Amino acid sequence: MAVPKKKTSKARKRQRKSAWMHQGQAAAAKALSLAKSILTGRSKGFVYPQEEEDSESEG
């Protein structure tokens, strides 16, 4: 099994943790932005199924 040769510094450890924590914030902001664009109808790069109202009345 591989063993680290040297101890990781506190600064490096905190830097990695901070980057990992910010990934969640970035993903949440992107999801919120996408949701807002879908609600306004201005979404161009996201395809989702829309419910058709006519399909129920035809059958």
PDB file of N, CA and C in Angstrom:
ATOM      1  N   MET A   1       0.840  -1.179   0.000  1.00  0.00           N
ATOM      2  CA  MET A   1       0.000   0.000   0.000  1.00  0.00           C
ATOM      3  C   MET A   1       0.890   1.249   0.000  1.00  0.00           C
ATOM      4  N   ALA A   2       0.491   2.270  -0.761  1.00  0.00           N
ATOM      5  CA  ALA A   2       1.286   3.492  -0.862  1.00  0.00           C
ATOM      6  C   ALA A   2       1.174   4.318   0.420  1.00  0.00           C
ATOM      7  N   VAL A   3       2.307   4.882   0.809  1.00  0.00           N
ATOM      8  CA  VAL A   3       2.361   5.705   2.006  1.00  0.00           C
ATOM      9  C   VAL A   3       2.972   7.050   1.634  1.00  0.00           C
ATOM     10  N   PRO A   4       2.375   8.183   2.076  1.00  0.00           N
ATOM     11  CA  PRO A   4       2.958   9.483   1.769  1.00  0.00           C
ATOM     12  C   PRO A   4       4.348   9.638   2.381  1.00  0.00           C
ATOM     13  N   LYS A   5       5.243  10.263   1.662  1.00  0.00           N
ATOM     14  CA  LYS A   5       6.615  10.431   2.134  1.00  0.00           C
ATOM     15  C   LYS A   5       6.737  11.564   3.144  1.00  0.00           C
ATOM     16  N   LYS A   6       5.961  12.639   2.922  1.00  0.00           N
ATOM     17  CA  LYS A   6       6.057  13.786   3.802  1.00  0.00           C
ATOM     18  C   LYS A   6       4.679  14.200   4.275  1.00  0.00           C
ATOM     19  N   LYS A   7       4.647  14.880   5.395  1.00  0.00           N
ATOM     20  CA  LYS A   7       3.388  15.370   5.944  1.00  0.00           C
ATOM     21  C   LYS A   7       2.872  16.535   5.094  1.00  0.00           C
ATOM     22  N   THR A   8       1.575  16.532   4.821  1.00  0.00           N
ATOM     23  CA  THR A   8       0.966  17.633   4.069  1.00  0.00           C
ATOM     24  C   THR A   8       0.815  18.844   4.995  1.00  0.00           C
ATOM     25  N   SER A   9       1.178  19.997   4.506  1.00  0.00           N
ATOM     26  CA  SER A   9       1.107  21.203   5.329  1.00  0.00           C
ATOM     27  C   SER A   9      -0.349  21.604   5.571  1.00  0.00           C
ATOM     28  N   LYS A  10      -0.553  22.372   6.639  1.00  0.00           N
ATOM     29  CA  LYS A  10      -1.905  22.855   6.956  1.00  0.00           C
ATOM     30  C   LYS A  10      -2.445  23.726   5.831  1.00  0.00           C
ATOM     31  N   ALA A  11      -1.583  24.540   5.243  1.00  0.00           N
ATOM     32  CA  ALA A  11      -2.023  25.435   4.176  1.00  0.00           C
ATOM     33  C   ALA A  11      -2.533  24.640   2.973  1.00  0.00           C
ATOM     34  N   ARG A  12      -1.815  23.599   2.600  1.00  0.00           N
ATOM     35  CA  ARG A  12      -2.215  22.776   1.450  1.00  0.00           C
ATOM     36  C   ARG A  12      -3.517  22.031   1.753  1.00  0.00           C
ATOM     37  N   LYS A  13      -3.623  21.521   2.981  1.00  0.00           N
ATOM     38  CA  LYS A  13      -4.828  20.813   3.393  1.00  0.00           C
ATOM     39  C   LYS A  13      -6.037  21.743   3.357  1.00  0.00           C
ATOM     40  N   ARG A  14      -5.876  22.948   3.863  1.00  0.00           N
ATOM     41  CA  ARG A  14      -6.979  23.918   3.876  1.00  0.00           C
ATOM     42  C   ARG A  14      -7.338  24.375   2.471  1.00  0.00           C
ATOM     43  N   GLN A  15      -6.337  24.489   1.603  1.00  0.00           N
ATOM     44  CA  GLN A  15      -6.580  24.892   0.218  1.00  0.00           C
ATOM     45  C   GLN A  15      -7.436  23.847  -0.496  1.00  0.00           C
ATOM     46  N   ARG A  16      -7.104  22.577  -0.314  1.00  0.00           N
ATOM     47  CA  ARG A  16      -7.878  21.498  -0.920  1.00  0.00           C
ATOM     48  C   ARG A  16      -9.308  21.466  -0.386  1.00  0.00           C
ATOM     49  N   LYS A  17      -9.455  21.639   0.909  1.00  0.00           N
ATOM     50  CA  LYS A  17     -10.778  21.623   1.536  1.00  0.00           C
ATOM     51  C   LYS A  17     -11.621  22.791   1.034  1.00  0.00           C
ATOM     52  N   SER A  18     -11.022  23.959   0.923  1.00  0.00           N
ATOM     53  CA  SER A  18     -11.734  25.139   0.447  1.00  0.00           C
ATOM     54  C   SER A  18     -12.204  24.950  -0.987  1.00  0.00           C
ATOM     55  N   ALA A  19     -11.359  24.399  -1.833  1.00  0.00           N
ATOM     56  CA  ALA A  19     -11.734  24.145  -3.225  1.00  0.00           C
ATOM     57  C   ALA A  19     -12.880  23.146  -3.298  1.00  0.00           C
ATOM     58  N   TRP A  20     -12.834  22.124  -2.451  1.00  0.00           N
ATOM     59  CA  TRP A  20     -13.884  21.106  -2.435  1.00  0.00           C
ATOM     60  C   TRP A  20     -15.211  21.707  -1.965  1.00  0.00           C
ATOM     61  N   MET A  21     -15.162  22.588  -0.963  1.00  0.00           N
ATOM     62  CA  MET A  21     -16.379  23.211  -0.444  1.00  0.00           C
ATOM     63  C   MET A  21     -16.986  24.161  -1.477  1.00  0.00           C
ATOM     64  N   HIS A  22     -16.163  24.860  -2.238  1.00  0.00           N
ATOM     65  CA  HIS A  22     -16.669  25.825  -3.221  1.00  0.00           C
ATOM     66  C   HIS A  22     -17.282  25.151  -4.436  1.00  0.00           C
ATOM     67  N   GLN A  23     -16.939  23.896  -4.698  1.00  0.00           N
ATOM     68  CA  GLN A  23     -17.537  23.178  -5.819  1.00  0.00           C
ATOM     69  C   GLN A  23     -19.047  23.075  -5.641  1.00  0.00           C
ATOM     70  N   GLY A  24     -19.498  22.857  -4.421  1.00  0.00           N
ATOM     71  CA  GLY A  24     -20.926  22.764  -4.136  1.00  0.00           C
ATOM     72  C   GLY A  24     -21.635  24.081  -4.353  1.00  0.00           C
ATOM     73  N   GLN A  25     -21.008  25.168  -3.951  1.00  0.00           N
ATOM     74  CA  GLN A  25     -21.601  26.488  -4.133  1.00  0.00           C
ATOM     75  C   GLN A  25     -21.731  26.826  -5.609  1.00  0.00           C
ATOM     76  N   ALA A  26     -20.724  26.471  -6.398  1.00  0.00           N
ATOM     77  CA  ALA A  26     -20.752  26.741  -7.834  1.00  0.00           C
ATOM     78  C   ALA A  26     -21.842  25.922  -8.516  1.00  0.00           C
ATOM     79  N   ALA A  27     -21.992  24.665  -8.113  1.00  0.00           N
ATOM     80  CA  ALA A  27     -23.023  23.804  -8.696  1.00  0.00           C
ATOM     81  C   ALA A  27     -24.415  24.311  -8.339  1.00  0.00           C
ATOM     82  N   ALA A  28     -24.597  24.782  -7.114  1.00  0.00           N
ATOM     83  CA  ALA A  28     -25.893  25.312  -6.690  1.00  0.00           C
ATOM     84  C   ALA A  28     -26.245  26.579  -7.468  1.00  0.00           C
ATOM     85  N   ALA A  29     -25.270  27.449  -7.671  1.00  0.00           N
ATOM     86  CA  ALA A  29     -25.506  28.680  -8.424  1.00  0.00           C
ATOM     87  C   ALA A  29     -25.866  28.374  -9.876  1.00  0.00           C
ATOM     88  N   LYS A  30     -25.199  27.390 -10.462  1.00  0.00           N
ATOM     89  CA  LYS A  30     -25.485  27.003 -11.842  1.00  0.00           C
ATOM     90  C   LYS A  30     -26.890  26.410 -11.957  1.00  0.00           C
ATOM     91  N   ALA A  31     -27.283  25.579 -11.006  1.00  0.00           N
ATOM     92  CA  ALA A  31     -28.608  24.969 -11.015  1.00  0.00           C
ATOM     93  C   ALA A  31     -29.693  26.022 -10.861  1.00  0.00           C
ATOM     94  N   LEU A  32     -29.479  26.999  -9.996  1.00  0.00           N
ATOM     95  CA  LEU A  32     -30.447  28.070  -9.804  1.00  0.00           C
ATOM     96  C   LEU A  32     -30.586  28.913 -11.063  1.00  0.00           C
ATOM     97  N   SER A  33     -29.478  29.202 -11.705  1.00  0.00           N
ATOM     98  CA  SER A  33     -29.495  29.973 -12.941  1.00  0.00           C
ATOM     99  C   SER A  33     -30.263  29.231 -14.035  1.00  0.00           C
ATOM    100  N   LEU A  34     -30.031  27.934 -14.144  1.00  0.00           N
ATOM    101  CA  LEU A  34     -30.725  27.121 -15.136  1.00  0.00           C
ATOM    102  C   LEU A  34     -32.218  27.088 -14.856  1.00  0.00           C
ATOM    103  N   ALA A  35     -32.597  26.946 -13.594  1.00  0.00           N
ATOM    104  CA  ALA A  35     -34.014  26.924 -13.227  1.00  0.00           C
ATOM    105  C   ALA A  35     -34.691  28.244 -13.568  1.00  0.00           C
ATOM    106  N   LYS A  36     -34.006  29.346 -13.305  1.00  0.00           N
ATOM    107  CA  LYS A  36     -34.577  30.656 -13.630  1.00  0.00           C
ATOM    108  C   LYS A  36     -34.762  30.828 -15.128  1.00  0.00           C
ATOM    109  N   SER A  37     -33.800  30.361 -15.921  1.00  0.00           N
ATOM    110  CA  SER A  37     -33.909  30.511 -17.367  1.00  0.00           C
ATOM    111  C   SER A  37     -35.023  29.643 -17.928  1.00  0.00           C
ATOM    112  N   ILE A  38     -35.246  28.473 -17.335  1.00  0.00           N
ATOM    113  CA  ILE A  38     -36.340  27.605 -17.778  1.00  0.00           C
ATOM    114  C   ILE A  38     -37.686  28.255 -17.461  1.00  0.00           C
ATOM    115  N   LEU A  39     -37.803  28.828 -16.282  1.00  0.00           N
ATOM    116  CA  LEU A  39     -39.066  29.454 -15.886  1.00  0.00           C
ATOM    117  C   LEU A  39     -39.396  30.673 -16.746  1.00  0.00           C
ATOM    118  N   THR A  40     -38.382  31.395 -17.181  1.00  0.00           N
ATOM    119  CA  THR A  40     -38.637  32.569 -18.007  1.00  0.00           C
ATOM    120  C   THR A  40     -38.833  32.204 -19.473  1.00  0.00           C
ATOM    121  N   GLY A  41     -38.473  30.970 -19.851  1.00  0.00           N
ATOM    122  CA  GLY A  41     -38.637  30.538 -21.229  1.00  0.00           C
ATOM    123  C   GLY A  41     -37.497  30.955 -22.139  1.00  0.00           C
ATOM    124  N   ARG A  42     -36.406  31.416 -21.586  1.00  0.00           N
ATOM    125  CA  ARG A  42     -35.279  31.888 -22.400  1.00  0.00           C
ATOM    126  C   ARG A  42     -34.187  30.837 -22.534  1.00  0.00           C
ATOM    127  N   SER A  43     -34.455  29.628 -22.069  1.00  0.00           N
ATOM    128  CA  SER A  43     -33.450  28.569 -22.099  1.00  0.00           C
ATOM    129  C   SER A  43     -33.196  28.095 -23.519  1.00  0.00           C
ATOM    130  N   LYS A  44     -31.928  28.044 -23.922  1.00  0.00           N
ATOM    131  CA  LYS A  44     -31.561  27.605 -25.264  1.00  0.00           C
ATOM    132  C   LYS A  44     -30.788  26.290 -25.239  1.00  0.00           C
ATOM    133  N   GLY A  45     -30.013  26.042 -24.199  1.00  0.00           N
ATOM    134  CA  GLY A  45     -29.124  24.892 -24.176  1.00  0.00           C
ATOM    135  C   GLY A  45     -29.608  23.744 -23.320  1.00  0.00           C
ATOM    136  N   PHE A  46     -30.883  23.754 -22.960  1.00  0.00           N
ATOM    137  CA  PHE A  46     -31.383  22.694 -22.093  1.00  0.00           C
ATOM    138  C   PHE A  46     -32.700  22.202 -22.663  1.00  0.00           C
ATOM    139  N   VAL A  47     -32.816  20.898 -22.894  1.00  0.00           N
ATOM    140  CA  VAL A  47     -34.016  20.317 -23.469  1.00  0.00           C
ATOM    141  C   VAL A  47     -34.718  19.511 -22.391  1.00  0.00           C
ATOM    142  N   TYR A  48     -36.001  19.732 -22.228  1.00  0.00           N
ATOM    143  CA  TYR A  48     -36.771  18.991 -21.247  1.00  0.00           C
ATOM    144  C   TYR A  48     -38.163  18.732 -21.810  1.00  0.00           C
ATOM    145  N   PRO A  49     -38.802  17.641 -21.422  1.00  0.00           N
ATOM    146  CA  PRO A  49     -40.133  17.331 -21.951  1.00  0.00           C
ATOM    147  C   PRO A  49     -41.186  18.286 -21.410  1.00  0.00           C
ATOM    148  N   GLN A  50     -42.053  18.727 -22.276  1.00  0.00           N
ATOM    149  CA  GLN A  50     -43.146  19.599 -21.870  1.00  0.00           C
ATOM    150  C   GLN A  50     -44.444  18.814 -21.942  1.00  0.00           C
ATOM    151  N   GLU A  51     -45.330  19.055 -20.991  1.00  0.00           N
ATOM    152  CA  GLU A  51     -46.611  18.379 -20.998  1.00  0.00           C
ATOM    153  C   GLU A  51     -47.493  18.970 -22.093  1.00  0.00           C
ATOM    154  N   GLU A  52     -48.110  18.092 -22.845  1.00  0.00           N
ATOM    155  CA  GLU A  52     -48.994  18.539 -23.910  1.00  0.00           C
ATOM    156  C   GLU A  52     -50.439  18.485 -23.413  1.00  0.00           C
ATOM    157  N   GLU A  53     -51.136  19.586 -23.504  1.00  0.00           N
ATOM    158  CA  GLU A  53     -52.524  19.662 -23.030  1.00  0.00           C
ATOM    159  C   GLU A  53     -53.479  19.012 -24.009  1.00  0.00           C
ATOM    160  N   ASP A  54     -53.146  19.004 -25.319  1.00  0.00           N
ATOM    161  CA  ASP A  54     -54.037  18.473 -26.337  1.00  0.00           C
ATOM    162  C   ASP A  54     -54.108  16.955 -26.322  1.00  0.00           C
ATOM    163  N   SER A  55     -53.082  16.280 -25.845  1.00  0.00           N
ATOM    164  CA  SER A  55     -53.041  14.817 -25.902  1.00  0.00           C
ATOM    165  C   SER A  55     -54.126  14.172 -25.043  1.00  0.00           C
ATOM    166  N   GLU A  56     -54.535  14.806 -23.958  1.00  0.00           N
ATOM    167  CA  GLU A  56     -55.574  14.232 -23.094  1.00  0.00           C
ATOM    168  C   GLU A  56     -56.959  14.398 -23.696  1.00  0.00           C
ATOM    169  N   SER A  57     -57.217  15.491 -24.390  1.00  0.00           N
ATOM    170  CA  SER A  57     -58.551  15.749 -24.932  1.00  0.00           C
ATOM    171  C   SER A  57     -58.807  14.981 -26.235  1.00  0.00           C
ATOM    172  N   GLU A  58     -57.759  14.534 -26.928  1.00  0.00           N
ATOM    173  CA  GLU A  58     -57.930  13.816 -28.189  1.00  0.00           C
ATOM    174  C   GLU A  58     -58.428  12.386 -27.958  1.00  0.00           C
ATOM    175  N   GLY A  59     -57.989  11.719 -26.918  1.00  0.00           N
ATOM    176  CA  GLY A  59     -58.258  10.301 -26.692  1.00  0.00           C
ATOM    177  C   GLY A  59     -59.633  10.043 -26.223  1.00  0.00           C
TER     178      GLY A  59
END
